[in-house]
Amino acid sequence: MPTYDMWTFREDLVTDQIIGYEVEAVDGSIGEIDNATDELGASFIVVKTGRWILGKPVVLPATVVERIDPDVEKVYVSRTKEQIKNAPEYDEALTDDDYRVELGRYYGPGGAGYRKTS
């Protein structure tokens, strides 16, 4: 049985220099990348959202990134605006295991923000 690793980007994604790229949810634009990390087993992006959720930053685990288009400087994610809006509130202490577990429950299998991808 394959394991589900939400904190590692797919091998075909190149994440260098994506800060400032626009982020496109399944149903429209949500903001731009404010921070990103490609650490083994701890990869994520931080999105500085637009006014639709009062400009609060949100963390998206690597697994929700579907593709990156450097030609238009856009990152496409596999979640809706509503799923992202309802995610656990951003915690600047990203190394905090409790916060990562909470995000895992939300974005992972069985969570409200989970969406199976092919």
PDB file of N, CA and C in Angstrom:
ATOM      1  N   MET A   1       0.840  -1.180   0.000  1.00  0.00           N
ATOM      2  CA  MET A   1       0.000   0.000   0.000  1.00  0.00           C
ATOM      3  C   MET A   1       0.889   1.248   0.000  1.00  0.00           C
ATOM      4  N   PRO A   2       0.684   2.156  -0.961  1.00  0.00           N
ATOM      5  CA  PRO A   2       1.519   3.355  -1.003  1.00  0.00           C
ATOM      6  C   PRO A   2       1.213   4.292   0.171  1.00  0.00           C
ATOM      7  N   THR A   3       2.223   5.008   0.603  1.00  0.00           N
ATOM      8  CA  THR A   3       2.013   5.959   1.689  1.00  0.00           C
ATOM      9  C   THR A   3       1.690   7.327   1.105  1.00  0.00           C
ATOM     10  N   TYR A   4       1.024   8.136   1.890  1.00  0.00           N
ATOM     11  CA  TYR A   4       0.624   9.466   1.478  1.00  0.00           C
ATOM     12  C   TYR A   4       1.561  10.472   2.133  1.00  0.00           C
ATOM     13  N   ASP A   5       2.384  11.129   1.349  1.00  0.00           N
ATOM     14  CA  ASP A   5       3.330  12.106   1.865  1.00  0.00           C
ATOM     15  C   ASP A   5       2.920  13.487   1.383  1.00  0.00           C
ATOM     16  N   MET A   6       2.323  14.266   2.277  1.00  0.00           N
ATOM     17  CA  MET A   6       1.833  15.580   1.883  1.00  0.00           C
ATOM     18  C   MET A   6       2.891  16.670   1.958  1.00  0.00           C
ATOM     19  N   TRP A   7       4.062  16.357   2.453  1.00  0.00           N
ATOM     20  CA  TRP A   7       5.096  17.363   2.675  1.00  0.00           C
ATOM     21  C   TRP A   7       6.267  17.246   1.705  1.00  0.00           C
ATOM     22  N   THR A   8       6.055  16.601   0.555  1.00  0.00           N
ATOM     23  CA  THR A   8       7.097  16.477  -0.455  1.00  0.00           C
ATOM     24  C   THR A   8       6.507  16.809  -1.819  1.00  0.00           C
ATOM     25  N   PHE A   9       7.172  17.717  -2.544  1.00  0.00           N
ATOM     26  CA  PHE A   9       6.722  18.043  -3.891  1.00  0.00           C
ATOM     27  C   PHE A   9       6.941  16.855  -4.815  1.00  0.00           C
ATOM     28  N   ARG A  10       6.069  16.736  -5.809  1.00  0.00           N
ATOM     29  CA  ARG A  10       6.269  15.709  -6.831  1.00  0.00           C
ATOM     30  C   ARG A  10       7.612  15.958  -7.512  1.00  0.00           C
ATOM     31  N   GLU A  11       8.235  14.898  -7.971  1.00  0.00           N
ATOM     32  CA  GLU A  11       9.564  14.993  -8.575  1.00  0.00           C
ATOM     33  C   GLU A  11       9.607  15.911  -9.790  1.00  0.00           C
ATOM     34  N   ASP A  12       8.509  16.017 -10.531  1.00  0.00           N
ATOM     35  CA  ASP A  12       8.520  16.806 -11.759  1.00  0.00           C
ATOM     36  C   ASP A  12       8.309  18.301 -11.532  1.00  0.00           C
ATOM     37  N   LEU A  13       8.124  18.726 -10.283  1.00  0.00           N
ATOM     38  CA  LEU A  13       7.921  20.141  -9.998  1.00  0.00           C
ATOM     39  C   LEU A  13       9.238  20.811  -9.646  1.00  0.00           C
ATOM     40  N   VAL A  14       9.499  21.942 -10.263  1.00  0.00           N
ATOM     41  CA  VAL A  14      10.692  22.720  -9.973  1.00  0.00           C
ATOM     42  C   VAL A  14      10.234  23.921  -9.149  1.00  0.00           C
ATOM     43  N   THR A  15      10.703  24.014  -7.912  1.00  0.00           N
ATOM     44  CA  THR A  15      10.192  25.038  -7.000  1.00  0.00           C
ATOM     45  C   THR A  15      11.156  26.201  -6.783  1.00  0.00           C
ATOM     46  N   ASP A  16      12.264  26.215  -7.490  1.00  0.00           N
ATOM     47  CA  ASP A  16      13.205  27.326  -7.333  1.00  0.00           C
ATOM     48  C   ASP A  16      12.570  28.633  -7.801  1.00  0.00           C
ATOM     49  N   GLN A  17      12.754  29.666  -7.020  1.00  0.00           N
ATOM     50  CA  GLN A  17      12.378  31.025  -7.396  1.00  0.00           C
ATOM     51  C   GLN A  17      10.898  31.199  -7.736  1.00  0.00           C
ATOM     52  N   ILE A  18      10.007  30.645  -6.917  1.00  0.00           N
ATOM     53  CA  ILE A  18       8.569  30.814  -7.164  1.00  0.00           C
ATOM     54  C   ILE A  18       7.944  31.871  -6.261  1.00  0.00           C
ATOM     55  N   ILE A  19       8.720  32.472  -5.389  1.00  0.00           N
ATOM     56  CA  ILE A  19       8.186  33.532  -4.532  1.00  0.00           C
ATOM     57  C   ILE A  19       7.723  34.683  -5.418  1.00  0.00           C
ATOM     58  N   GLY A  20       6.505  35.137  -5.169  1.00  0.00           N
ATOM     59  CA  GLY A  20       5.902  36.184  -5.984  1.00  0.00           C
ATOM     60  C   GLY A  20       4.981  35.660  -7.069  1.00  0.00           C
ATOM     61  N   TYR A  21       5.051  34.353  -7.350  1.00  0.00           N
ATOM     62  CA  TYR A  21       4.156  33.768  -8.355  1.00  0.00           C
ATOM     63  C   TYR A  21       2.714  33.849  -7.862  1.00  0.00           C
ATOM     64  N   GLU A  22       1.778  34.027  -8.782  1.00  0.00           N
ATOM     65  CA  GLU A  22       0.361  33.977  -8.453  1.00  0.00           C
ATOM     66  C   GLU A  22      -0.022  32.536  -8.141  1.00  0.00           C
ATOM     67  N   VAL A  23      -1.042  32.370  -7.289  1.00  0.00           N
ATOM     68  CA  VAL A  23      -1.523  31.038  -6.946  1.00  0.00           C
ATOM     69  C   VAL A  23      -2.972  30.925  -7.394  1.00  0.00           C
ATOM     70  N   GLU A  24      -3.236  29.890  -8.163  1.00  0.00           N
ATOM     71  CA  GLU A  24      -4.553  29.657  -8.735  1.00  0.00           C
ATOM     72  C   GLU A  24      -5.165  28.412  -8.115  1.00  0.00           C
ATOM     73  N   ALA A  25      -6.271  28.613  -7.382  1.00  0.00           N
ATOM     74  CA  ALA A  25      -7.027  27.482  -6.830  1.00  0.00           C
ATOM     75  C   ALA A  25      -7.874  26.883  -7.950  1.00  0.00           C
ATOM     76  N   VAL A  26      -8.576  25.805  -7.663  1.00  0.00           N
ATOM     77  CA  VAL A  26      -9.443  25.164  -8.641  1.00  0.00           C
ATOM     78  C   VAL A  26     -10.469  26.145  -9.201  1.00  0.00           C
ATOM     79  N   ASP A  27     -10.913  27.081  -8.351  1.00  0.00           N
ATOM     80  CA  ASP A  27     -11.980  28.000  -8.753  1.00  0.00           C
ATOM     81  C   ASP A  27     -11.554  29.468  -8.812  1.00  0.00           C
ATOM     82  N   GLY A  28     -10.271  29.727  -8.986  1.00  0.00           N
ATOM     83  CA  GLY A  28      -9.829  31.104  -9.168  1.00  0.00           C
ATOM     84  C   GLY A  28      -8.591  31.473  -8.378  1.00  0.00           C
ATOM     85  N   SER A  29      -8.144  32.697  -8.578  1.00  0.00           N
ATOM     86  CA  SER A  29      -6.925  33.198  -7.959  1.00  0.00           C
ATOM     87  C   SER A  29      -7.116  33.392  -6.452  1.00  0.00           C
ATOM     88  N   ILE A  30      -6.060  33.058  -5.676  1.00  0.00           N
ATOM     89  CA  ILE A  30      -6.143  33.235  -4.225  1.00  0.00           C
ATOM     90  C   ILE A  30      -5.067  34.158  -3.670  1.00  0.00           C
ATOM     91  N   GLY A  31      -4.090  34.535  -4.461  1.00  0.00           N
ATOM     92  CA  GLY A  31      -3.036  35.407  -3.971  1.00  0.00           C
ATOM     93  C   GLY A  31      -1.713  35.082  -4.610  1.00  0.00           C
ATOM     94  N   GLU A  32      -0.627  35.336  -3.859  1.00  0.00           N
ATOM     95  CA  GLU A  32       0.700  35.055  -4.394  1.00  0.00           C
ATOM     96  C   GLU A  32       1.576  34.400  -3.338  1.00  0.00           C
ATOM     97  N   ILE A  33       2.607  33.714  -3.816  1.00  0.00           N
ATOM     98  CA  ILE A  33       3.511  33.000  -2.909  1.00  0.00           C
ATOM     99  C   ILE A  33       4.398  34.000  -2.173  1.00  0.00           C
ATOM    100  N   ASP A  34       4.356  33.893  -0.853  1.00  0.00           N
ATOM    101  CA  ASP A  34       5.131  34.761   0.024  1.00  0.00           C
ATOM    102  C   ASP A  34       6.395  34.056   0.515  1.00  0.00           C
ATOM    103  N   ASN A  35       6.323  32.720   0.582  1.00  0.00           N
ATOM    104  CA  ASN A  35       7.450  31.924   1.050  1.00  0.00           C
ATOM    105  C   ASN A  35       7.271  30.508   0.522  1.00  0.00           C
ATOM    106  N   ALA A  36       8.362  29.804   0.391  1.00  0.00           N
ATOM    107  CA  ALA A  36       8.312  28.410  -0.061  1.00  0.00           C
ATOM    108  C   ALA A  36       9.542  27.689   0.453  1.00  0.00           C
ATOM    109  N   THR A  37       9.374  26.405   0.712  1.00  0.00           N
ATOM    110  CA  THR A  37      10.509  25.591   1.122  1.00  0.00           C
ATOM    111  C   THR A  37      10.427  24.249   0.419  1.00  0.00           C
ATOM    112  N   ASP A  38      11.570  23.717   0.099  1.00  0.00           N
ATOM    113  CA  ASP A  38      11.650  22.418  -0.557  1.00  0.00           C
ATOM    114  C   ASP A  38      12.488  21.469   0.296  1.00  0.00           C
ATOM    115  N   GLU A  39      12.320  21.572   1.606  1.00  0.00           N
ATOM    116  CA  GLU A  39      13.047  20.701   2.524  1.00  0.00           C
ATOM    117  C   GLU A  39      12.470  19.293   2.460  1.00  0.00           C
ATOM    118  N   LEU A  40      13.318  18.321   2.467  1.00  0.00           N
ATOM    119  CA  LEU A  40      12.892  16.931   2.391  1.00  0.00           C
ATOM    120  C   LEU A  40      11.911  16.613   3.501  1.00  0.00           C
ATOM    121  N   GLY A  41      10.698  16.205   3.135  1.00  0.00           N
ATOM    122  CA  GLY A  41       9.680  15.826   4.092  1.00  0.00           C
ATOM    123  C   GLY A  41       9.040  16.986   4.847  1.00  0.00           C
ATOM    124  N   ALA A  42       9.358  18.226   4.455  1.00  0.00           N
ATOM    125  CA  ALA A  42       8.802  19.399   5.144  1.00  0.00           C
ATOM    126  C   ALA A  42       8.539  20.540   4.162  1.00  0.00           C
ATOM    127  N   SER A  43       8.112  20.213   2.956  1.00  0.00           N
ATOM    128  CA  SER A  43       7.933  21.222   1.911  1.00  0.00           C
ATOM    129  C   SER A  43       6.531  21.803   1.919  1.00  0.00           C
ATOM    130  N   PHE A  44       6.464  23.106   1.686  1.00  0.00           N
ATOM    131  CA  PHE A  44       5.181  23.804   1.673  1.00  0.00           C
ATOM    132  C   PHE A  44       5.348  25.138   0.971  1.00  0.00           C
ATOM    133  N   ILE A  45       4.216  25.792   0.703  1.00  0.00           N
ATOM    134  CA  ILE A  45       4.227  27.168   0.243  1.00  0.00           C
ATOM    135  C   ILE A  45       3.376  27.985   1.210  1.00  0.00           C
ATOM    136  N   VAL A  46       3.734  29.246   1.384  1.00  0.00           N
ATOM    137  CA  VAL A  46       2.923  30.182   2.147  1.00  0.00           C
ATOM    138  C   VAL A  46       2.355  31.165   1.135  1.00  0.00           C
ATOM    139  N   VAL A  47       1.021  31.297   1.147  1.00  0.00           N
ATOM    140  CA  VAL A  47       0.343  32.172   0.200  1.00  0.00           C
ATOM    141  C   VAL A  47      -0.164  33.414   0.917  1.00  0.00           C
ATOM    142  N   LYS A  48       0.219  34.555   0.386  1.00  0.00           N
ATOM    143  CA  LYS A  48      -0.313  35.827   0.870  1.00  0.00           C
ATOM    144  C   LYS A  48      -1.609  36.034   0.088  1.00  0.00           C
ATOM    145  N   THR A  49      -2.724  35.836   0.774  1.00  0.00           N
ATOM    146  CA  THR A  49      -4.020  35.855   0.095  1.00  0.00           C
ATOM    147  C   THR A  49      -4.487  37.272  -0.182  1.00  0.00           C
ATOM    148  N   GLY A  50      -5.388  37.347  -1.119  1.00  0.00           N
ATOM    149  CA  GLY A  50      -5.994  38.634  -1.440  1.00  0.00           C
ATOM    150  C   GLY A  50      -7.065  38.991  -0.424  1.00  0.00           C
ATOM    151  N   ARG A  51      -7.849  39.977  -0.753  1.00  0.00           N
ATOM    152  CA  ARG A  51      -8.876  40.472   0.161  1.00  0.00           C
ATOM    153  C   ARG A  51      -9.987  39.465   0.448  1.00  0.00           C
ATOM    154  N   TRP A  52     -10.111  38.429  -0.326  1.00  0.00           N
ATOM    155  CA  TRP A  52     -11.227  37.492  -0.137  1.00  0.00           C
ATOM    156  C   TRP A  52     -11.192  36.778   1.203  1.00  0.00           C
ATOM    157  N   ILE A  53     -10.026  36.672   1.849  1.00  0.00           N
ATOM    158  CA  ILE A  53      -9.995  36.186   3.237  1.00  0.00           C
ATOM    159  C   ILE A  53      -9.153  37.134   4.092  1.00  0.00           C
ATOM    160  N   LEU A  54      -9.388  38.397   3.878  1.00  0.00           N
ATOM    161  CA  LEU A  54      -8.769  39.464   4.666  1.00  0.00           C
ATOM    162  C   LEU A  54      -7.248  39.459   4.597  1.00  0.00           C
ATOM    163  N   GLY A  55      -6.698  38.955   3.525  1.00  0.00           N
ATOM    164  CA  GLY A  55      -5.263  39.009   3.321  1.00  0.00           C
ATOM    165  C   GLY A  55      -4.435  38.184   4.275  1.00  0.00           C
ATOM    166  N   LYS A  56      -5.042  37.187   4.910  1.00  0.00           N
ATOM    167  CA  LYS A  56      -4.268  36.372   5.860  1.00  0.00           C
ATOM    168  C   LYS A  56      -3.393  35.376   5.098  1.00  0.00           C
ATOM    169  N   PRO A  57      -2.200  35.112   5.617  1.00  0.00           N
ATOM    170  CA  PRO A  57      -1.353  34.107   4.975  1.00  0.00           C
ATOM    171  C   PRO A  57      -1.867  32.702   5.281  1.00  0.00           C
ATOM    172  N   VAL A  58      -1.730  31.807   4.315  1.00  0.00           N
ATOM    173  CA  VAL A  58      -2.111  30.409   4.517  1.00  0.00           C
ATOM    174  C   VAL A  58      -0.962  29.509   4.073  1.00  0.00           C
ATOM    175  N   VAL A  59      -0.844  28.371   4.732  1.00  0.00           N
ATOM    176  CA  VAL A  59       0.173  27.383   4.400  1.00  0.00           C
ATOM    177  C   VAL A  59      -0.484  26.266   3.611  1.00  0.00           C
ATOM    178  N   LEU A  60       0.127  25.919   2.490  1.00  0.00           N
ATOM    179  CA  LEU A  60      -0.348  24.804   1.678  1.00  0.00           C
ATOM    180  C   LEU A  60       0.771  23.774   1.595  1.00  0.00           C
ATOM    181  N   PRO A  61       0.514  22.563   2.072  1.00  0.00           N
ATOM    182  CA  PRO A  61       1.528  21.507   1.971  1.00  0.00           C
ATOM    183  C   PRO A  61       1.873  21.230   0.512  1.00  0.00           C
ATOM    184  N   ALA A  62       3.054  20.736   0.282  1.00  0.00           N
ATOM    185  CA  ALA A  62       3.547  20.480  -1.074  1.00  0.00           C
ATOM    186  C   ALA A  62       2.582  19.658  -1.921  1.00  0.00           C
ATOM    187  N   THR A  63       1.884  18.728  -1.317  1.00  0.00           N
ATOM    188  CA  THR A  63       1.035  17.815  -2.070  1.00  0.00           C
ATOM    189  C   THR A  63      -0.110  18.501  -2.808  1.00  0.00           C
ATOM    190  N   VAL A  64      -0.519  19.692  -2.392  1.00  0.00           N
ATOM    191  CA  VAL A  64      -1.633  20.356  -3.064  1.00  0.00           C
ATOM    192  C   VAL A  64      -1.196  21.095  -4.323  1.00  0.00           C
ATOM    193  N   VAL A  65       0.112  21.250  -4.529  1.00  0.00           N
ATOM    194  CA  VAL A  65       0.608  21.906  -5.732  1.00  0.00           C
ATOM    195  C   VAL A  65       0.532  20.929  -6.898  1.00  0.00           C
ATOM    196  N   GLU A  66      -0.290  21.277  -7.887  1.00  0.00           N
ATOM    197  CA  GLU A  66      -0.456  20.421  -9.062  1.00  0.00           C
ATOM    198  C   GLU A  66       0.591  20.688 -10.128  1.00  0.00           C
ATOM    199  N   ARG A  67       0.823  21.984 -10.385  1.00  0.00           N
ATOM    200  CA  ARG A  67       1.825  22.317 -11.393  1.00  0.00           C
ATOM    201  C   ARG A  67       2.273  23.749 -11.217  1.00  0.00           C
ATOM    202  N   ILE A  68       3.441  24.021 -11.793  1.00  0.00           N
ATOM    203  CA  ILE A  68       4.030  25.351 -11.770  1.00  0.00           C
ATOM    204  C   ILE A  68       4.296  25.751 -13.211  1.00  0.00           C
ATOM    205  N   ASP A  69       3.815  26.922 -13.591  1.00  0.00           N
ATOM    206  CA  ASP A  69       4.025  27.414 -14.957  1.00  0.00           C
ATOM    207  C   ASP A  69       4.912  28.652 -14.894  1.00  0.00           C
ATOM    208  N   PRO A  70       6.222  28.483 -15.121  1.00  0.00           N
ATOM    209  CA  PRO A  70       7.137  29.628 -15.031  1.00  0.00           C
ATOM    210  C   PRO A  70       6.903  30.663 -16.130  1.00  0.00           C
ATOM    211  N   ASP A  71       6.309  30.266 -17.253  1.00  0.00           N
ATOM    212  CA  ASP A  71       6.064  31.214 -18.340  1.00  0.00           C
ATOM    213  C   ASP A  71       5.088  32.311 -17.939  1.00  0.00           C
ATOM    214  N   VAL A  72       4.089  31.972 -17.117  1.00  0.00           N
ATOM    215  CA  VAL A  72       3.106  32.967 -16.661  1.00  0.00           C
ATOM    216  C   VAL A  72       3.253  33.249 -15.168  1.00  0.00           C
ATOM    217  N   GLU A  73       4.293  32.671 -14.554  1.00  0.00           N
ATOM    218  CA  GLU A  73       4.587  32.838 -13.128  1.00  0.00           C
ATOM    219  C   GLU A  73       3.366  32.547 -12.267  1.00  0.00           C
ATOM    220  N   LYS A  74       2.869  31.302 -12.440  1.00  0.00           N
ATOM    221  CA  LYS A  74       1.662  30.892 -11.727  1.00  0.00           C
ATOM    222  C   LYS A  74       1.834  29.476 -11.179  1.00  0.00           C
ATOM    223  N   VAL A  75       1.312  29.276  -9.962  1.00  0.00           N
ATOM    224  CA  VAL A  75       1.297  27.965  -9.322  1.00  0.00           C
ATOM    225  C   VAL A  75      -0.164  27.539  -9.211  1.00  0.00           C
ATOM    226  N   TYR A  76      -0.463  26.335  -9.659  1.00  0.00           N
ATOM    227  CA  TYR A  76      -1.826  25.805  -9.629  1.00  0.00           C
ATOM    228  C   TYR A  76      -1.939  24.791  -8.497  1.00  0.00           C
ATOM    229  N   VAL A  77      -2.977  24.958  -7.671  1.00  0.00           N
ATOM    230  CA  VAL A  77      -3.178  24.058  -6.543  1.00  0.00           C
ATOM    231  C   VAL A  77      -4.504  23.311  -6.682  1.00  0.00           C
ATOM    232  N   SER A  78      -4.582  22.152  -6.045  1.00  0.00           N
ATOM    233  CA  SER A  78      -5.730  21.255  -6.185  1.00  0.00           C
ATOM    234  C   SER A  78      -6.774  21.424  -5.095  1.00  0.00           C
ATOM    235  N   ARG A  79      -6.996  22.642  -4.663  1.00  0.00           N
ATOM    236  CA  ARG A  79      -8.001  22.927  -3.644  1.00  0.00           C
ATOM    237  C   ARG A  79      -8.840  24.122  -4.086  1.00  0.00           C
ATOM    238  N   THR A  80     -10.048  24.201  -3.544  1.00  0.00           N
ATOM    239  CA  THR A  80     -10.924  25.333  -3.843  1.00  0.00           C
ATOM    240  C   THR A  80     -10.592  26.488  -2.904  1.00  0.00           C
ATOM    241  N   LYS A  81     -11.077  27.658  -3.262  1.00  0.00           N
ATOM    242  CA  LYS A  81     -10.905  28.819  -2.386  1.00  0.00           C
ATOM    243  C   LYS A  81     -11.497  28.547  -1.011  1.00  0.00           C
ATOM    244  N   GLU A  82     -12.663  27.939  -0.987  1.00  0.00           N
ATOM    245  CA  GLU A  82     -13.345  27.670   0.290  1.00  0.00           C
ATOM    246  C   GLU A  82     -12.529  26.700   1.151  1.00  0.00           C
ATOM    247  N   GLN A  83     -11.966  25.654   0.538  1.00  0.00           N
ATOM    248  CA  GLN A  83     -11.145  24.711   1.295  1.00  0.00           C
ATOM    249  C   GLN A  83      -9.927  25.413   1.889  1.00  0.00           C
ATOM    250  N   ILE A  84      -9.323  26.296   1.125  1.00  0.00           N
ATOM    251  CA  ILE A  84      -8.152  27.025   1.607  1.00  0.00           C
ATOM    252  C   ILE A  84      -8.556  28.013   2.701  1.00  0.00           C
ATOM    253  N   LYS A  85      -9.661  28.686   2.504  1.00  0.00           N
ATOM    254  CA  LYS A  85     -10.152  29.655   3.492  1.00  0.00           C
ATOM    255  C   LYS A  85     -10.429  28.983   4.841  1.00  0.00           C
ATOM    256  N   ASN A  86     -10.922  27.745   4.819  1.00  0.00           N
ATOM    257  CA  ASN A  86     -11.296  27.035   6.044  1.00  0.00           C
ATOM    258  C   ASN A  86     -10.149  26.240   6.671  1.00  0.00           C
ATOM    259  N   ALA A  87      -8.961  26.335   6.102  1.00  0.00           N
ATOM    260  CA  ALA A  87      -7.803  25.594   6.619  1.00  0.00           C
ATOM    261  C   ALA A  87      -7.392  26.131   7.988  1.00  0.00           C
ATOM    262  N   PRO A  88      -6.676  25.321   8.759  1.00  0.00           N
ATOM    263  CA  PRO A  88      -6.177  25.795  10.060  1.00  0.00           C
ATOM    264  C   PRO A  88      -5.380  27.082   9.891  1.00  0.00           C
ATOM    265  N   GLU A  89      -5.554  27.986  10.829  1.00  0.00           N
ATOM    266  CA  GLU A  89      -4.901  29.291  10.755  1.00  0.00           C
ATOM    267  C   GLU A  89      -3.388  29.153  10.729  1.00  0.00           C
ATOM    268  N   TYR A  90      -2.755  30.004   9.944  1.00  0.00           N
ATOM    269  CA  TYR A  90      -1.304  30.018   9.794  1.00  0.00           C
ATOM    270  C   TYR A  90      -0.608  30.214  11.140  1.00  0.00           C
ATOM    271  N   ASP A  91       0.438  29.447  11.331  1.00  0.00           N
ATOM    272  CA  ASP A  91       1.248  29.522  12.539  1.00  0.00           C
ATOM    273  C   ASP A  91       2.685  29.739  12.097  1.00  0.00           C
ATOM    274  N   GLU A  92       3.285  30.849  12.504  1.00  0.00           N
ATOM    275  CA  GLU A  92       4.646  31.147  12.063  1.00  0.00           C
ATOM    276  C   GLU A  92       5.674  30.138  12.556  1.00  0.00           C
ATOM    277  N   ALA A  93       5.337  29.373  13.570  1.00  0.00           N
ATOM    278  CA  ALA A  93       6.249  28.349  14.082  1.00  0.00           C
ATOM    279  C   ALA A  93       6.063  27.075  13.260  1.00  0.00           C
ATOM    280  N   LEU A  94       6.469  27.134  11.995  1.00  0.00           N
ATOM    281  CA  LEU A  94       6.206  26.023  11.081  1.00  0.00           C
ATOM    282  C   LEU A  94       6.857  24.717  11.501  1.00  0.00           C
ATOM    283  N   THR A  95       7.803  24.785  12.394  1.00  0.00           N
ATOM    284  CA  THR A  95       8.430  23.548  12.862  1.00  0.00           C
ATOM    285  C   THR A  95       7.609  22.885  13.962  1.00  0.00           C
ATOM    286  N   ASP A  96       6.564  23.563  14.416  1.00  0.00           N
ATOM    287  CA  ASP A  96       5.713  23.029  15.471  1.00  0.00           C
ATOM    288  C   ASP A  96       4.979  21.782  14.967  1.00  0.00           C
ATOM    289  N   ASP A  97       5.269  20.658  15.578  1.00  0.00           N
ATOM    290  CA  ASP A  97       4.672  19.399  15.147  1.00  0.00           C
ATOM    291  C   ASP A  97       3.152  19.394  15.263  1.00  0.00           C
ATOM    292  N   ASP A  98       2.615  20.030  16.296  1.00  0.00           N
ATOM    293  CA  ASP A  98       1.162  20.062  16.464  1.00  0.00           C
ATOM    294  C   ASP A  98       0.477  20.763  15.293  1.00  0.00           C
ATOM    295  N   TYR A  99       1.058  21.852  14.823  1.00  0.00           N
ATOM    296  CA  TYR A  99       0.492  22.584  13.687  1.00  0.00           C
ATOM    297  C   TYR A  99       0.550  21.731  12.415  1.00  0.00           C
ATOM    298  N   ARG A 100       1.666  21.072  12.201  1.00  0.00           N
ATOM    299  CA  ARG A 100       1.799  20.211  11.010  1.00  0.00           C
ATOM    300  C   ARG A 100       0.796  19.057  11.064  1.00  0.00           C
ATOM    301  N   VAL A 101       0.574  18.510  12.240  1.00  0.00           N
ATOM    302  CA  VAL A 101      -0.409  17.438  12.395  1.00  0.00           C
ATOM    303  C   VAL A 101      -1.805  17.969  12.070  1.00  0.00           C
ATOM    304  N   GLU A 102      -2.118  19.172  12.559  1.00  0.00           N
ATOM    305  CA  GLU A 102      -3.420  19.777  12.284  1.00  0.00           C
ATOM    306  C   GLU A 102      -3.613  20.007  10.779  1.00  0.00           C
ATOM    307  N   LEU A 103      -2.587  20.522  10.109  1.00  0.00           N
ATOM    308  CA  LEU A 103      -2.664  20.692   8.655  1.00  0.00           C
ATOM    309  C   LEU A 103      -2.810  19.344   7.955  1.00  0.00           C
ATOM    310  N   GLY A 104      -2.105  18.334   8.457  1.00  0.00           N
ATOM    311  CA  GLY A 104      -2.194  17.003   7.879  1.00  0.00           C
ATOM    312  C   GLY A 104      -3.594  16.422   7.973  1.00  0.00           C
ATOM    313  N   ARG A 105      -4.236  16.644   9.104  1.00  0.00           N
ATOM    314  CA  ARG A 105      -5.617  16.159   9.262  1.00  0.00           C
ATOM    315  C   ARG A 105      -6.559  16.880   8.308  1.00  0.00           C
ATOM    316  N   TYR A 106      -6.315  18.153   8.083  1.00  0.00           N
ATOM    317  CA  TYR A 106      -7.201  18.935   7.222  1.00  0.00           C
ATOM    318  C   TYR A 106      -6.987  18.615   5.741  1.00  0.00           C
ATOM    319  N   TYR A 107      -5.735  18.637   5.287  1.00  0.00           N
ATOM    320  CA  TYR A 107      -5.445  18.448   3.861  1.00  0.00           C
ATOM    321  C   TYR A 107      -5.275  16.992   3.452  1.00  0.00           C
ATOM    322  N   GLY A 108      -5.048  16.110   4.415  1.00  0.00           N
ATOM    323  CA  GLY A 108      -4.796  14.714   4.106  1.00  0.00           C
ATOM    324  C   GLY A 108      -6.060  13.898   3.900  1.00  0.00           C
ATOM    325  N   PRO A 109      -5.891  12.625   3.560  1.00  0.00           N
ATOM    326  CA  PRO A 109      -7.048  11.737   3.332  1.00  0.00           C
ATOM    327  C   PRO A 109      -8.028  11.759   4.503  1.00  0.00           C
ATOM    328  N   GLY A 110      -9.288  11.965   4.179  1.00  0.00           N
ATOM    329  CA  GLY A 110     -10.328  11.999   5.189  1.00  0.00           C
ATOM    330  C   GLY A 110     -10.598  13.380   5.754  1.00  0.00           C
ATOM    331  N   GLY A 111      -9.710  14.333   5.461  1.00  0.00           N
ATOM    332  CA  GLY A 111      -9.873  15.690   5.981  1.00  0.00           C
ATOM    333  C   GLY A 111     -10.811  16.514   5.108  1.00  0.00           C
ATOM    334  N   ALA A 112     -11.323  17.590   5.689  1.00  0.00           N
ATOM    335  CA  ALA A 112     -12.268  18.455   4.967  1.00  0.00           C
ATOM    336  C   ALA A 112     -11.622  19.087   3.739  1.00  0.00           C
ATOM    337  N   GLY A 113     -10.328  19.301   3.782  1.00  0.00           N
ATOM    338  CA  GLY A 113      -9.633  19.928   2.644  1.00  0.00           C
ATOM    339  C   GLY A 113      -9.049  18.933   1.674  1.00  0.00           C
ATOM    340  N   TYR A 114      -9.308  17.640   1.893  1.00  0.00           N
ATOM    341  CA  TYR A 114      -8.718  16.610   1.035  1.00  0.00           C
ATOM    342  C   TYR A 114      -9.475  16.490  -0.276  1.00  0.00           C
ATOM    343  N   ARG A 115      -8.722  16.393  -1.312  1.00  0.00           N
ATOM    344  CA  ARG A 115      -9.275  16.149  -2.630  1.00  0.00           C
ATOM    345  C   ARG A 115      -8.363  15.165  -3.341  1.00  0.00           C
ATOM    346  N   LYS A 116      -8.868  14.001  -3.626  1.00  0.00           N
ATOM    347  CA  LYS A 116      -8.058  12.974  -4.264  1.00  0.00           C
ATOM    348  C   LYS A 116      -7.642  13.423  -5.644  1.00  0.00           C
ATOM    349  N   THR A 117      -6.343  13.296  -5.920  1.00  0.00           N
ATOM    350  CA  THR A 117      -5.829  13.619  -7.243  1.00  0.00           C
ATOM    351  C   THR A 117      -5.353  12.341  -7.908  1.00  0.00           C
ATOM    352  N   SER A 118      -5.297  12.370  -9.198  1.00  0.00           N
ATOM    353  CA  SER A 118      -4.899  11.155  -9.927  1.00  0.00           C
ATOM    354  C   SER A 118      -3.407  11.002  -9.990  1.00  0.00           C
TER     355      SER A 118
END
